[in-house]
Amino acid sequence: MFGDRVYHYGSHDREGGYTFCMDDYVVYSAPVNDLSDWRCEGVSYRAEQDPYYPKYKYMYATDVVKGNDGRYYLYYCMSGDYGYGGYCCKR
């Protein structure tokens, strides 16, 4: 919650994709006093914006914090298909 709104940062999966969180994050928000009034705020971050994309192309475990400078920061994990740190956990 920031100010008088609740925010939900969810992954936006790829149609026909073979796993989750392959494309981007989408933000939804609602007033604190009316959680039935949700609106889509749009895409906040795309996988291809990450400097390691496409080697690591799965985004998950988001969090957003407000910094001391008043700006909002999105944190996420990014991993690849297989091997050490891979999303699919095959070794």
PDB file of N, CA and C in Angstrom:
ATOM      1  N   MET A   1       0.850  -1.167   0.000  1.00  0.00           N
ATOM      2  CA  MET A   1       0.000   0.000   0.000  1.00  0.00           C
ATOM      3  C   MET A   1       0.900   1.235   0.000  1.00  0.00           C
ATOM      4  N   PHE A   2       0.594   2.145  -0.872  1.00  0.00           N
ATOM      5  CA  PHE A   2       1.280   3.425  -0.933  1.00  0.00           C
ATOM      6  C   PHE A   2       0.218   4.505  -0.969  1.00  0.00           C
ATOM      7  N   GLY A   3       0.270   5.422  -0.007  1.00  0.00           N
ATOM      8  CA  GLY A   3      -0.736   6.477   0.047  1.00  0.00           C
ATOM      9  C   GLY A   3      -2.110   5.901   0.304  1.00  0.00           C
ATOM     10  N   ASP A   4      -3.068   6.291  -0.502  1.00  0.00           N
ATOM     11  CA  ASP A   4      -4.453   5.836  -0.311  1.00  0.00           C
ATOM     12  C   ASP A   4      -4.851   4.730  -1.290  1.00  0.00           C
ATOM     13  N   ARG A   5      -3.856   4.049  -1.900  1.00  0.00           N
ATOM     14  CA  ARG A   5      -4.134   2.971  -2.854  1.00  0.00           C
ATOM     15  C   ARG A   5      -3.351   1.710  -2.498  1.00  0.00           C
ATOM     16  N   VAL A   6      -3.940   0.573  -2.816  1.00  0.00           N
ATOM     17  CA  VAL A   6      -3.292  -0.727  -2.706  1.00  0.00           C
ATOM     18  C   VAL A   6      -2.827  -1.106  -4.102  1.00  0.00           C
ATOM     19  N   TYR A   7      -1.594  -1.607  -4.223  1.00  0.00           N
ATOM     20  CA  TYR A   7      -1.041  -1.974  -5.523  1.00  0.00           C
ATOM     21  C   TYR A   7      -0.718  -3.463  -5.555  1.00  0.00           C
ATOM     22  N   HIS A   8      -1.012  -4.071  -6.682  1.00  0.00           N
ATOM     23  CA  HIS A   8      -0.704  -5.488  -6.905  1.00  0.00           C
ATOM     24  C   HIS A   8       0.165  -5.580  -8.162  1.00  0.00           C
ATOM     25  N   TYR A   9       1.359  -6.154  -8.007  1.00  0.00           N
ATOM     26  CA  TYR A   9       2.286  -6.325  -9.126  1.00  0.00           C
ATOM     27  C   TYR A   9       2.281  -7.798  -9.498  1.00  0.00           C
ATOM     28  N   GLY A  10       1.731  -8.102 -10.640  1.00  0.00           N
ATOM     29  CA  GLY A  10       1.629  -9.491 -11.074  1.00  0.00           C
ATOM     30  C   GLY A  10       2.353  -9.731 -12.379  1.00  0.00           C
ATOM     31  N   SER A  11       2.783 -10.969 -12.563  1.00  0.00           N
ATOM     32  CA  SER A  11       3.451 -11.311 -13.815  1.00  0.00           C
ATOM     33  C   SER A  11       2.421 -11.440 -14.929  1.00  0.00           C
ATOM     34  N   HIS A  12       2.851 -11.183 -16.111  1.00  0.00           N
ATOM     35  CA  HIS A  12       2.008 -11.268 -17.298  1.00  0.00           C
ATOM     36  C   HIS A  12       2.638 -12.340 -18.178  1.00  0.00           C
ATOM     37  N   ASP A  13       2.024 -13.495 -18.218  1.00  0.00           N
ATOM     38  CA  ASP A  13       2.593 -14.632 -18.915  1.00  0.00           C
ATOM     39  C   ASP A  13       2.453 -14.509 -20.426  1.00  0.00           C
ATOM     40  N   ARG A  14       3.252 -15.269 -21.135  1.00  0.00           N
ATOM     41  CA  ARG A  14       3.234 -15.295 -22.594  1.00  0.00           C
ATOM     42  C   ARG A  14       2.214 -16.321 -23.070  1.00  0.00           C
ATOM     43  N   GLU A  15       1.331 -15.924 -23.967  1.00  0.00           N
ATOM     44  CA  GLU A  15       0.368 -16.863 -24.535  1.00  0.00           C
ATOM     45  C   GLU A  15       1.126 -17.945 -25.291  1.00  0.00           C
ATOM     46  N   GLY A  16       0.830 -19.192 -24.972  1.00  0.00           N
ATOM     47  CA  GLY A  16       1.526 -20.307 -25.593  1.00  0.00           C
ATOM     48  C   GLY A  16       2.898 -20.570 -25.003  1.00  0.00           C
ATOM     49  N   GLY A  17       3.285 -19.832 -23.967  1.00  0.00           N
ATOM     50  CA  GLY A  17       4.585 -20.029 -23.325  1.00  0.00           C
ATOM     51  C   GLY A  17       4.633 -21.361 -22.598  1.00  0.00           C
ATOM     52  N   TYR A  18       5.835 -21.828 -22.297  1.00  0.00           N
ATOM     53  CA  TYR A  18       5.970 -23.134 -21.651  1.00  0.00           C
ATOM     54  C   TYR A  18       6.190 -23.039 -20.148  1.00  0.00           C
ATOM     55  N   THR A  19       6.206 -21.832 -19.604  1.00  0.00           N
ATOM     56  CA  THR A  19       6.294 -21.664 -18.161  1.00  0.00           C
ATOM     57  C   THR A  19       5.707 -20.293 -17.805  1.00  0.00           C
ATOM     58  N   PHE A  20       5.811 -19.910 -16.557  1.00  0.00           N
ATOM     59  CA  PHE A  20       5.222 -18.667 -16.078  1.00  0.00           C
ATOM     60  C   PHE A  20       6.199 -17.492 -16.152  1.00  0.00           C
ATOM     61  N   CYS A  21       5.683 -16.301 -16.063  1.00  0.00           N
ATOM     62  CA  CYS A  21       6.463 -15.069 -15.903  1.00  0.00           C
ATOM     63  C   CYS A  21       7.475 -14.836 -17.015  1.00  0.00           C
ATOM     64  N   MET A  22       7.093 -15.023 -18.252  1.00  0.00           N
ATOM     65  CA  MET A  22       8.047 -14.908 -19.353  1.00  0.00           C
ATOM     66  C   MET A  22       8.085 -13.521 -19.991  1.00  0.00           C
ATOM     67  N   ASP A  23       7.120 -12.664 -19.733  1.00  0.00           N
ATOM     68  CA  ASP A  23       7.047 -11.413 -20.480  1.00  0.00           C
ATOM     69  C   ASP A  23       7.245 -10.144 -19.657  1.00  0.00           C
ATOM     70  N   ASP A  24       6.329  -9.859 -18.755  1.00  0.00           N
ATOM     71  CA  ASP A  24       6.390  -8.572 -18.073  1.00  0.00           C
ATOM     72  C   ASP A  24       5.587  -8.580 -16.782  1.00  0.00           C
ATOM     73  N   TYR A  25       5.669  -7.469 -16.083  1.00  0.00           N
ATOM     74  CA  TYR A  25       4.867  -7.250 -14.888  1.00  0.00           C
ATOM     75  C   TYR A  25       3.792  -6.217 -15.185  1.00  0.00           C
ATOM     76  N   VAL A  26       2.590  -6.499 -14.707  1.00  0.00           N
ATOM     77  CA  VAL A  26       1.457  -5.599 -14.874  1.00  0.00           C
ATOM     78  C   VAL A  26       1.029  -5.147 -13.485  1.00  0.00           C
ATOM     79  N   VAL A  27       0.636  -3.889 -13.370  1.00  0.00           N
ATOM     80  CA  VAL A  27       0.255  -3.328 -12.075  1.00  0.00           C
ATOM     81  C   VAL A  27      -1.248  -3.039 -12.049  1.00  0.00           C
ATOM     82  N   TYR A  28      -1.875  -3.427 -10.947  1.00  0.00           N
ATOM     83  CA  TYR A  28      -3.274  -3.096 -10.688  1.00  0.00           C
ATOM     84  C   TYR A  28      -3.324  -2.336  -9.376  1.00  0.00           C
ATOM     85  N   SER A  29      -4.294  -1.439  -9.247  1.00  0.00           N
ATOM     86  CA  SER A  29      -4.440  -0.712  -7.983  1.00  0.00           C
ATOM     87  C   SER A  29      -5.916  -0.494  -7.673  1.00  0.00           C
ATOM     88  N   ALA A  30      -6.176  -0.258  -6.394  1.00  0.00           N
ATOM     89  CA  ALA A  30      -7.533   0.020  -5.922  1.00  0.00           C
ATOM     90  C   ALA A  30      -7.445   0.976  -4.739  1.00  0.00           C
ATOM     91  N   PRO A  31      -8.473   1.805  -4.559  1.00  0.00           N
ATOM     92  CA  PRO A  31      -8.497   2.674  -3.377  1.00  0.00           C
ATOM     93  C   PRO A  31      -8.592   1.823  -2.105  1.00  0.00           C
ATOM     94  N   VAL A  32      -7.915   2.234  -1.073  1.00  0.00           N
ATOM     95  CA  VAL A  32      -7.933   1.501   0.196  1.00  0.00           C
ATOM     96  C   VAL A  32      -9.354   1.354   0.721  1.00  0.00           C
ATOM     97  N   ASN A  33     -10.181   2.355   0.516  1.00  0.00           N
ATOM     98  CA  ASN A  33     -11.547   2.315   1.058  1.00  0.00           C
ATOM     99  C   ASN A  33     -12.556   1.653   0.121  1.00  0.00           C
ATOM    100  N   ASP A  34     -12.126   1.132  -1.038  1.00  0.00           N
ATOM    101  CA  ASP A  34     -13.037   0.441  -1.961  1.00  0.00           C
ATOM    102  C   ASP A  34     -12.269  -0.587  -2.782  1.00  0.00           C
ATOM    103  N   LEU A  35     -12.051  -1.755  -2.202  1.00  0.00           N
ATOM    104  CA  LEU A  35     -11.272  -2.790  -2.870  1.00  0.00           C
ATOM    105  C   LEU A  35     -12.044  -3.508  -3.972  1.00  0.00           C
ATOM    106  N   SER A  36     -13.221  -3.013  -4.306  1.00  0.00           N
ATOM    107  CA  SER A  36     -13.953  -3.549  -5.458  1.00  0.00           C
ATOM    108  C   SER A  36     -13.704  -2.711  -6.716  1.00  0.00           C
ATOM    109  N   ASP A  37     -12.939  -1.634  -6.591  1.00  0.00           N
ATOM    110  CA  ASP A  37     -12.721  -0.691  -7.693  1.00  0.00           C
ATOM    111  C   ASP A  37     -11.282  -0.772  -8.222  1.00  0.00           C
ATOM    112  N   TRP A  38     -10.907  -1.926  -8.783  1.00  0.00           N
ATOM    113  CA  TRP A  38      -9.556  -2.133  -9.291  1.00  0.00           C
ATOM    114  C   TRP A  38      -9.410  -1.544 -10.679  1.00  0.00           C
ATOM    115  N   ARG A  39      -8.214  -1.039 -10.980  1.00  0.00           N
ATOM    116  CA  ARG A  39      -7.915  -0.567 -12.329  1.00  0.00           C
ATOM    117  C   ARG A  39      -6.523  -1.046 -12.723  1.00  0.00           C
ATOM    118  N   CYS A  40      -6.353  -1.263 -14.015  1.00  0.00           N
ATOM    119  CA  CYS A  40      -5.056  -1.679 -14.534  1.00  0.00           C
ATOM    120  C   CYS A  40      -4.214  -0.434 -14.759  1.00  0.00           C
ATOM    121  N   GLU A  41      -3.024  -0.408 -14.153  1.00  0.00           N
ATOM    122  CA  GLU A  41      -2.110   0.724 -14.303  1.00  0.00           C
ATOM    123  C   GLU A  41      -1.156   0.524 -15.477  1.00  0.00           C
ATOM    124  N   GLY A  42      -1.173  -0.669 -16.066  1.00  0.00           N
ATOM    125  CA  GLY A  42      -0.341  -0.950 -17.225  1.00  0.00           C
ATOM    126  C   GLY A  42       0.897  -1.761 -16.884  1.00  0.00           C
ATOM    127  N   VAL A  43       1.755  -1.907 -17.861  1.00  0.00           N
ATOM    128  CA  VAL A  43       2.992  -2.670 -17.712  1.00  0.00           C
ATOM    129  C   VAL A  43       4.025  -1.794 -16.994  1.00  0.00           C
ATOM    130  N   SER A  44       4.630  -2.356 -15.948  1.00  0.00           N
ATOM    131  CA  SER A  44       5.642  -1.598 -15.208  1.00  0.00           C
ATOM    132  C   SER A  44       7.062  -1.966 -15.624  1.00  0.00           C
ATOM    133  N   TYR A  45       7.249  -3.194 -16.125  1.00  0.00           N
ATOM    134  CA  TYR A  45       8.601  -3.625 -16.498  1.00  0.00           C
ATOM    135  C   TYR A  45       8.500  -4.822 -17.432  1.00  0.00           C
ATOM    136  N   ARG A  46       9.306  -4.811 -18.481  1.00  0.00           N
ATOM    137  CA  ARG A  46       9.330  -5.905 -19.453  1.00  0.00           C
ATOM    138  C   ARG A  46      10.628  -6.705 -19.305  1.00  0.00           C
ATOM    139  N   ALA A  47      10.533  -8.005 -19.547  1.00  0.00           N
ATOM    140  CA  ALA A  47      11.704  -8.882 -19.416  1.00  0.00           C
ATOM    141  C   ALA A  47      12.871  -8.383 -20.253  1.00  0.00           C
ATOM    142  N   GLU A  48      12.610  -7.914 -21.467  1.00  0.00           N
ATOM    143  CA  GLU A  48      13.705  -7.490 -22.335  1.00  0.00           C
ATOM    144  C   GLU A  48      14.429  -6.242 -21.841  1.00  0.00           C
ATOM    145  N   GLN A  49      13.914  -5.584 -20.805  1.00  0.00           N
ATOM    146  CA  GLN A  49      14.612  -4.442 -20.219  1.00  0.00           C
ATOM    147  C   GLN A  49      15.764  -4.890 -19.319  1.00  0.00           C
ATOM    148  N   ASP A  50      15.740  -6.155 -18.888  1.00  0.00           N
ATOM    149  CA  ASP A  50      16.799  -6.666 -18.029  1.00  0.00           C
ATOM    150  C   ASP A  50      18.067  -6.863 -18.858  1.00  0.00           C
ATOM    151  N   PRO A  51      19.222  -6.428 -18.356  1.00  0.00           N
ATOM    152  CA  PRO A  51      20.457  -6.535 -19.139  1.00  0.00           C
ATOM    153  C   PRO A  51      20.875  -7.971 -19.453  1.00  0.00           C
ATOM    154  N   TYR A  52      20.383  -8.963 -18.703  1.00  0.00           N
ATOM    155  CA  TYR A  52      20.746 -10.352 -18.944  1.00  0.00           C
ATOM    156  C   TYR A  52      19.728 -11.115 -19.795  1.00  0.00           C
ATOM    157  N   TYR A  53      18.679 -10.439 -20.218  1.00  0.00           N
ATOM    158  CA  TYR A  53      17.692 -11.072 -21.093  1.00  0.00           C
ATOM    159  C   TYR A  53      18.312 -11.236 -22.478  1.00  0.00           C
ATOM    160  N   PRO A  54      18.146 -12.337 -23.193  1.00  0.00           N
ATOM    161  CA  PRO A  54      17.273 -13.475 -22.949  1.00  0.00           C
ATOM    162  C   PRO A  54      17.923 -14.658 -22.231  1.00  0.00           C
ATOM    163  N   LYS A  55      19.181 -14.539 -21.801  1.00  0.00           N
ATOM    164  CA  LYS A  55      19.804 -15.657 -21.082  1.00  0.00           C
ATOM    165  C   LYS A  55      18.957 -16.033 -19.869  1.00  0.00           C
ATOM    166  N   TYR A  56      18.555 -15.040 -19.112  1.00  0.00           N
ATOM    167  CA  TYR A  56      17.648 -15.248 -17.986  1.00  0.00           C
ATOM    168  C   TYR A  56      16.348 -14.566 -18.355  1.00  0.00           C
ATOM    169  N   LYS A  57      15.297 -15.344 -18.531  1.00  0.00           N
ATOM    170  CA  LYS A  57      14.075 -14.765 -19.076  1.00  0.00           C
ATOM    171  C   LYS A  57      12.819 -15.016 -18.253  1.00  0.00           C
ATOM    172  N   TYR A  58      12.946 -15.481 -17.030  1.00  0.00           N
ATOM    173  CA  TYR A  58      11.771 -15.708 -16.191  1.00  0.00           C
ATOM    174  C   TYR A  58      11.831 -14.779 -14.993  1.00  0.00           C
ATOM    175  N   MET A  59      10.846 -13.941 -14.852  1.00  0.00           N
ATOM    176  CA  MET A  59      10.802 -12.981 -13.748  1.00  0.00           C
ATOM    177  C   MET A  59       9.803 -13.481 -12.711  1.00  0.00           C
ATOM    178  N   TYR A  60      10.162 -13.377 -11.443  1.00  0.00           N
ATOM    179  CA  TYR A  60       9.246 -13.795 -10.382  1.00  0.00           C
ATOM    180  C   TYR A  60       9.650 -13.150  -9.064  1.00  0.00           C
ATOM    181  N   ALA A  61       8.810 -13.326  -8.056  1.00  0.00           N
ATOM    182  CA  ALA A  61       9.048 -12.849  -6.687  1.00  0.00           C
ATOM    183  C   ALA A  61       9.242 -11.334  -6.636  1.00  0.00           C
ATOM    184  N   THR A  62       8.279 -10.596  -7.122  1.00  0.00           N
ATOM    185  CA  THR A  62       8.393  -9.136  -7.149  1.00  0.00           C
ATOM    186  C   THR A  62       8.181  -8.517  -5.778  1.00  0.00           C
ATOM    187  N   ASP A  63       8.741  -7.353  -5.625  1.00  0.00           N
ATOM    188  CA  ASP A  63       8.482  -6.513  -4.463  1.00  0.00           C
ATOM    189  C   ASP A  63       8.739  -5.070  -4.890  1.00  0.00           C
ATOM    190  N   VAL A  64       8.028  -4.165  -4.283  1.00  0.00           N
ATOM    191  CA  VAL A  64       8.197  -2.735  -4.572  1.00  0.00           C
ATOM    192  C   VAL A  64       8.375  -2.016  -3.248  1.00  0.00           C
ATOM    193  N   VAL A  65       9.349  -1.126  -3.212  1.00  0.00           N
ATOM    194  CA  VAL A  65       9.583  -0.327  -2.010  1.00  0.00           C
ATOM    195  C   VAL A  65       9.704   1.137  -2.406  1.00  0.00           C
ATOM    196  N   LYS A  66       9.397   1.990  -1.464  1.00  0.00           N
ATOM    197  CA  LYS A  66       9.593   3.424  -1.661  1.00  0.00           C
ATOM    198  C   LYS A  66      10.926   3.795  -1.040  1.00  0.00           C
ATOM    199  N   GLY A  67      11.825   4.346  -1.853  1.00  0.00           N
ATOM    200  CA  GLY A  67      13.148   4.710  -1.385  1.00  0.00           C
ATOM    201  C   GLY A  67      13.143   6.009  -0.599  1.00  0.00           C
ATOM    202  N   ASN A  68      14.259   6.284   0.057  1.00  0.00           N
ATOM    203  CA  ASN A  68      14.413   7.526   0.812  1.00  0.00           C
ATOM    204  C   ASN A  68      14.312   8.756  -0.084  1.00  0.00           C
ATOM    205  N   ASP A  69      14.535   8.559  -1.383  1.00  0.00           N
ATOM    206  CA  ASP A  69      14.461   9.670  -2.336  1.00  0.00           C
ATOM    207  C   ASP A  69      13.039   9.907  -2.854  1.00  0.00           C
ATOM    208  N   GLY A  70      12.058   9.124  -2.351  1.00  0.00           N
ATOM    209  CA  GLY A  70      10.667   9.294  -2.759  1.00  0.00           C
ATOM    210  C   GLY A  70      10.291   8.518  -4.008  1.00  0.00           C
ATOM    211  N   ARG A  71      11.278   7.894  -4.652  1.00  0.00           N
ATOM    212  CA  ARG A  71      11.004   7.089  -5.842  1.00  0.00           C
ATOM    213  C   ARG A  71      10.629   5.665  -5.432  1.00  0.00           C
ATOM    214  N   TYR A  72       9.932   4.961  -6.338  1.00  0.00           N
ATOM    215  CA  TYR A  72       9.528   3.578  -6.091  1.00  0.00           C
ATOM    216  C   TYR A  72      10.441   2.644  -6.876  1.00  0.00           C
ATOM    217  N   TYR A  73      10.861   1.555  -6.220  1.00  0.00           N
ATOM    218  CA  TYR A  73      11.794   0.621  -6.822  1.00  0.00           C
ATOM    219  C   TYR A  73      11.178  -0.774  -6.884  1.00  0.00           C
ATOM    220  N   LEU A  74      11.243  -1.378  -8.079  1.00  0.00           N
ATOM    221  CA  LEU A  74      10.748  -2.727  -8.308  1.00  0.00           C
ATOM    222  C   LEU A  74      11.923  -3.696  -8.205  1.00  0.00           C
ATOM    223  N   TYR A  75      11.793  -4.702  -7.352  1.00  0.00           N
ATOM    224  CA  TYR A  75      12.793  -5.750  -7.222  1.00  0.00           C
ATOM    225  C   TYR A  75      12.184  -7.049  -7.732  1.00  0.00           C
ATOM    226  N   TYR A  76      12.995  -7.880  -8.357  1.00  0.00           N
ATOM    227  CA  TYR A  76      12.509  -9.161  -8.860  1.00  0.00           C
ATOM    228  C   TYR A  76      13.678 -10.128  -8.988  1.00  0.00           C
ATOM    229  N   CYS A  77      13.359 -11.397  -9.120  1.00  0.00           N
ATOM    230  CA  CYS A  77      14.344 -12.428  -9.423  1.00  0.00           C
ATOM    231  C   CYS A  77      14.231 -12.744 -10.907  1.00  0.00           C
ATOM    232  N   MET A  78      15.343 -13.081 -11.524  1.00  0.00           N
ATOM    233  CA  MET A  78      15.353 -13.425 -12.952  1.00  0.00           C
ATOM    234  C   MET A  78      16.224 -14.654 -13.101  1.00  0.00           C
ATOM    235  N   SER A  79      15.727 -15.678 -13.807  1.00  0.00           N
ATOM    236  CA  SER A  79      16.524 -16.891 -13.983  1.00  0.00           C
ATOM    237  C   SER A  79      16.343 -17.453 -15.381  1.00  0.00           C
ATOM    238  N   GLY A  80      17.174 -18.425 -15.703  1.00  0.00           N
ATOM    239  CA  GLY A  80      17.126 -19.077 -17.006  1.00  0.00           C
ATOM    240  C   GLY A  80      16.497 -20.447 -16.922  1.00  0.00           C
ATOM    241  N   ASP A  81      16.630 -21.194 -18.004  1.00  0.00           N
ATOM    242  CA  ASP A  81      15.968 -22.497 -18.109  1.00  0.00           C
ATOM    243  C   ASP A  81      16.514 -23.550 -17.150  1.00  0.00           C
ATOM    244  N   TYR A  82      17.804 -23.866 -17.282  1.00  0.00           N
ATOM    245  CA  TYR A  82      18.351 -25.022 -16.589  1.00  0.00           C
ATOM    246  C   TYR A  82      19.693 -24.694 -15.959  1.00  0.00           C
ATOM    247  N   GLY A  83      20.194 -25.634 -15.178  1.00  0.00           N
ATOM    248  CA  GLY A  83      21.508 -25.466 -14.571  1.00  0.00           C
ATOM    249  C   GLY A  83      21.438 -24.665 -13.290  1.00  0.00           C
ATOM    250  N   TYR A  84      22.581 -24.262 -12.802  1.00  0.00           N
ATOM    251  CA  TYR A  84      22.667 -23.530 -11.549  1.00  0.00           C
ATOM    252  C   TYR A  84      21.829 -22.261 -11.636  1.00  0.00           C
ATOM    253  N   GLY A  85      20.900 -22.091 -10.727  1.00  0.00           N
ATOM    254  CA  GLY A  85      20.037 -20.916 -10.713  1.00  0.00           C
ATOM    255  C   GLY A  85      18.910 -20.982 -11.712  1.00  0.00           C
ATOM    256  N   GLY A  86      18.747 -22.089 -12.391  1.00  0.00           N
ATOM    257  CA  GLY A  86      17.698 -22.205 -13.401  1.00  0.00           C
ATOM    258  C   GLY A  86      16.320 -22.348 -12.794  1.00  0.00           C
ATOM    259  N   TYR A  87      15.351 -21.790 -13.470  1.00  0.00           N
ATOM    260  CA  TYR A  87      13.976 -21.796 -12.998  1.00  0.00           C
ATOM    261  C   TYR A  87      13.407 -23.213 -12.966  1.00  0.00           C
ATOM    262  N   CYS A  88      13.789 -24.033 -13.944  1.00  0.00           N
ATOM    263  CA  CYS A  88      13.216 -25.363 -14.076  1.00  0.00           C
ATOM    264  C   CYS A  88      13.888 -26.390 -13.164  1.00  0.00           C
ATOM    265  N   CYS A  89      14.974 -25.995 -12.507  1.00  0.00           N
ATOM    266  CA  CYS A  89      15.680 -26.808 -11.502  1.00  0.00           C
ATOM    267  C   CYS A  89      16.270 -28.095 -12.038  1.00  0.00           C
ATOM    268  N   LYS A  90      16.520 -28.219 -13.319  1.00  0.00           N
ATOM    269  CA  LYS A  90      17.181 -29.418 -13.859  1.00  0.00           C
ATOM    270  C   LYS A  90      18.685 -29.222 -13.752  1.00  0.00           C
ATOM    271  N   ARG A  91      19.377 -30.212 -13.309  1.00  0.00           N
ATOM    272  CA  ARG A  91      20.822 -30.112 -13.118  1.00  0.00           C
ATOM    273  C   ARG A  91      21.531 -31.091 -14.028  1.00  0.00           C
TER     274      ARG A  91
END
